[in-house]
């Protein structure tokens, strides 16, 4: 004769396993989102810095401006 307790235990164990799987999936998703936002922020801040550098370079000599132009063309993928 099978007791109802064993069924409850099996259900509890499978529920815990599902929770662990969901937690690891959530962790992977959070890491992926953080990485994506970090890359976007880095790209945005680099572009913003290059615009400021370009504006300052207009006042300086032409040779310095051409050097800044090479630096501002870098792209982070």
C-alpha atoms as a PDB file:
ATOM      1  CA  UNK A   1       0.000   0.000   0.000  1.00  0.00           C
ATOM      2  CA  UNK A   2       1.344   3.373  -0.981  1.00  0.00           C
ATOM      3  CA  UNK A   3       1.046   6.309   1.398  1.00  0.00           C
ATOM      4  CA  UNK A   4       0.071   9.801   0.307  1.00  0.00           C
ATOM      5  CA  UNK A   5       3.250  11.176   1.887  1.00  0.00           C
ATOM      6  CA  UNK A   6       5.501   9.748  -0.791  1.00  0.00           C
ATOM      7  CA  UNK A   7       3.501  11.492  -3.528  1.00  0.00           C
ATOM      8  CA  UNK A   8       3.739  14.761  -1.636  1.00  0.00           C
ATOM      9  CA  UNK A   9       7.514  14.289  -1.298  1.00  0.00           C
ATOM     10  CA  UNK A  10       7.903  13.581  -5.007  1.00  0.00           C
ATOM     11  CA  UNK A  11       5.872  16.671  -5.897  1.00  0.00           C
ATOM     12  CA  UNK A  12       7.910  18.807  -3.523  1.00  0.00           C
ATOM     13  CA  UNK A  13      11.194  17.545  -4.943  1.00  0.00           C
ATOM     14  CA  UNK A  14      10.108  18.152  -8.522  1.00  0.00           C
ATOM     15  CA  UNK A  15       8.893  21.659  -7.574  1.00  0.00           C
ATOM     16  CA  UNK A  16      12.274  22.440  -5.997  1.00  0.00           C
ATOM     17  CA  UNK A  17      14.036  21.175  -9.092  1.00  0.00           C
ATOM     18  CA  UNK A  18      11.873  23.452 -11.236  1.00  0.00           C
ATOM     19  CA  UNK A  19      12.639  26.409  -8.964  1.00  0.00           C
ATOM     20  CA  UNK A  20      16.371  25.743  -9.247  1.00  0.00           C
ATOM     21  CA  UNK A  21      16.103  25.566 -13.024  1.00  0.00           C
ATOM     22  CA  UNK A  22      14.146  28.825 -13.119  1.00  0.00           C
ATOM     23  CA  UNK A  23      16.664  30.523 -10.840  1.00  0.00           C
ATOM     24  CA  UNK A  24      19.591  29.526 -13.028  1.00  0.00           C
ATOM     25  CA  UNK A  25      17.680  30.678 -16.122  1.00  0.00           C
ATOM     26  CA  UNK A  26      16.930  34.014 -14.437  1.00  0.00           C
ATOM     27  CA  UNK A  27      20.588  34.353 -13.463  1.00  0.00           C
ATOM     28  CA  UNK A  28      21.690  33.762 -17.058  1.00  0.00           C
ATOM     29  CA  UNK A  29      19.137  36.275 -18.348  1.00  0.00           C
ATOM     30  CA  UNK A  30      20.204  38.922 -15.830  1.00  0.00           C
ATOM     31  CA  UNK A  31      23.841  38.418 -16.763  1.00  0.00           C
ATOM     32  CA  UNK A  32      23.019  38.686 -20.476  1.00  0.00           C
ATOM     33  CA  UNK A  33      21.028  41.873 -19.918  1.00  0.00           C
ATOM     34  CA  UNK A  34      23.772  43.398 -17.772  1.00  0.00           C
ATOM     35  CA  UNK A  35      26.373  42.577 -20.422  1.00  0.00           C
ATOM     36  CA  UNK A  36      24.217  44.073 -23.167  1.00  0.00           C
ATOM     37  CA  UNK A  37      23.559  47.266 -21.225  1.00  0.00           C
ATOM     38  CA  UNK A  38      27.234  47.555 -20.298  1.00  0.00           C
ATOM     39  CA  UNK A  39      28.224  47.328 -23.972  1.00  0.00           C
ATOM     40  CA  UNK A  40      25.578  49.867 -24.963  1.00  0.00           C
ATOM     41  CA  UNK A  41      26.674  52.246 -22.197  1.00  0.00           C
ATOM     42  CA  UNK A  42      30.305  51.865 -23.207  1.00  0.00           C
ATOM     43  CA  UNK A  43      29.470  52.543 -26.849  1.00  0.00           C
ATOM     44  CA  UNK A  44      27.284  55.556 -25.946  1.00  0.00           C
ATOM     45  CA  UNK A  45      29.874  57.073 -23.600  1.00  0.00           C
ATOM     46  CA  UNK A  46      32.603  56.533 -26.204  1.00  0.00           C
ATOM     47  CA  UNK A  47      30.481  58.241 -28.866  1.00  0.00           C
ATOM     48  CA  UNK A  48      29.697  61.092 -26.486  1.00  0.00           C
ATOM     49  CA  UNK A  49      33.389  61.489 -25.657  1.00  0.00           C
ATOM     50  CA  UNK A  50      34.309  61.488 -29.341  1.00  0.00           C
ATOM     51  CA  UNK A  51      31.754  64.232 -30.080  1.00  0.00           C
ATOM     52  CA  UNK A  52      33.237  66.373 -27.307  1.00  0.00           C
ATOM     53  CA  UNK A  53      36.739  65.684 -28.616  1.00  0.00           C
ATOM     54  CA  UNK A  54      35.652  66.616 -32.127  1.00  0.00           C
ATOM     55  CA  UNK A  55      34.184  69.914 -30.912  1.00  0.00           C
ATOM     56  CA  UNK A  56      37.403  70.778 -29.069  1.00  0.00           C
ATOM     57  CA  UNK A  57      39.485  69.731 -32.065  1.00  0.00           C
ATOM     58  CA  UNK A  58      37.819  72.342 -34.269  1.00  0.00           C
ATOM     59  CA  UNK A  59      39.576  75.016 -32.247  1.00  0.00           C
ATOM     60  CA  UNK A  60      42.987  73.304 -32.393  1.00  0.00           C
ATOM     61  CA  UNK A  61      45.355  72.862 -35.309  1.00  0.00           C
ATOM     62  CA  UNK A  62      44.440  70.712 -38.310  1.00  0.00           C
ATOM     63  CA  UNK A  63      47.043  68.024 -37.488  1.00  0.00           C
ATOM     64  CA  UNK A  64      45.615  67.506 -34.007  1.00  0.00           C
ATOM     65  CA  UNK A  65      42.124  67.364 -35.512  1.00  0.00           C
ATOM     66  CA  UNK A  66      43.115  64.596 -37.915  1.00  0.00           C
ATOM     67  CA  UNK A  67      44.595  62.598 -35.009  1.00  0.00           C
ATOM     68  CA  UNK A  68      41.352  62.927 -33.046  1.00  0.00           C
ATOM     69  CA  UNK A  69      39.382  61.870 -36.093  1.00  0.00           C
ATOM     70  CA  UNK A  70      41.246  58.549 -36.214  1.00  0.00           C
ATOM     71  CA  UNK A  71      40.582  57.957 -32.506  1.00  0.00           C
ATOM     72  CA  UNK A  72      36.857  58.740 -32.798  1.00  0.00           C
ATOM     73  CA  UNK A  73      36.317  56.123 -35.496  1.00  0.00           C
ATOM     74  CA  UNK A  74      36.865  53.234 -33.073  1.00  0.00           C
ATOM     75  CA  UNK A  75      33.837  51.082 -32.514  1.00  0.00           C
ATOM     76  CA  UNK A  76      33.127  48.503 -29.808  1.00  0.00           C
ATOM     77  CA  UNK A  77      31.015  45.594 -31.005  1.00  0.00           C
END
